[in-house]
Amino acid sequence: MLNLPIPLQYTNDFPILRYADDTLIFMEGCARQLFVMKALLNTFADSTGLKVNFSKSILFPINLSEERLQHHAVTFGCSTGSLPFTYLGLPLGTTKPRVEEFLPLVTRCERRLASNSLFLSQAGKLQMINSVFTSLPMFFMSTFHLHSTVREQIDKYRKHCLWRGSEENNRINAKAAWPMVTKSKEEGGLGVLNLKTYNEALLLKQLSQVLQQSRHPLGASYLGERL
């Protein structure tokens, strides 16, 4: 049993995600818990002299009425938001992200294509595909299963970079079929990573970590049933 600073009714977990100076806390929609959390932060401020600016915090409701949301926001002294929202560049919500929510990722790939050097050799373009165009969606692919539409658009930019460079009106035909390009060099391909396979491998790696670190007594079977 964990000694938690806030008593939880439905679970023994205390989920907190931290990245740099950002903190994301998942809590039950309970005014008492918010009051205790605020008291803990005020105690921290009194002990360290670091004042906590509650107005910079945002409360995002999940299955919470508007009346209770406003009451909790006043209790904590913060503003309110709505799902989905963007956290560390990722769209977060209670449902699978829509295609348009991946538009920032697609836009970044498009900008990289526009800045592609005209003086790169074929080997240089291949290196750019693997080091830049394949790396840009890695953060997204470690969290979400990309829509086929998004993968196809990114592959379009990768093909364009390999065969045509940054010239949008360049009509040079591809010298090899894309499935052959994505094969390993040992199999006669160019070693360009297959986004679909790479995406599934990254998600399976995350799943393995969740199953190993889960504190739920039935964590493995529970997650297995949900998947």
Foldseek 3Di string as FASTA:
>chain_A
DDDDLADADPDPDWDWDDDDPDIDGDDDLDLVRLLSVLVVQVVVCVVPVDDDDQQVDEAEDDPDDPVSVVVSCVSNVYHYDYPQDADPNDTDDPDADDQVSCVVLLVVLLVVQLVWDPPDDLVRLLVCCQPPLLPSCLVVLLPHQHDPVSLVSSVVSSQCSNFPGSDPPGPGDDPDDPVQQCDPVVVVHVVRPRNNVSSVVSNVVVVVVCQVPPPPPCRVVVVVVVD
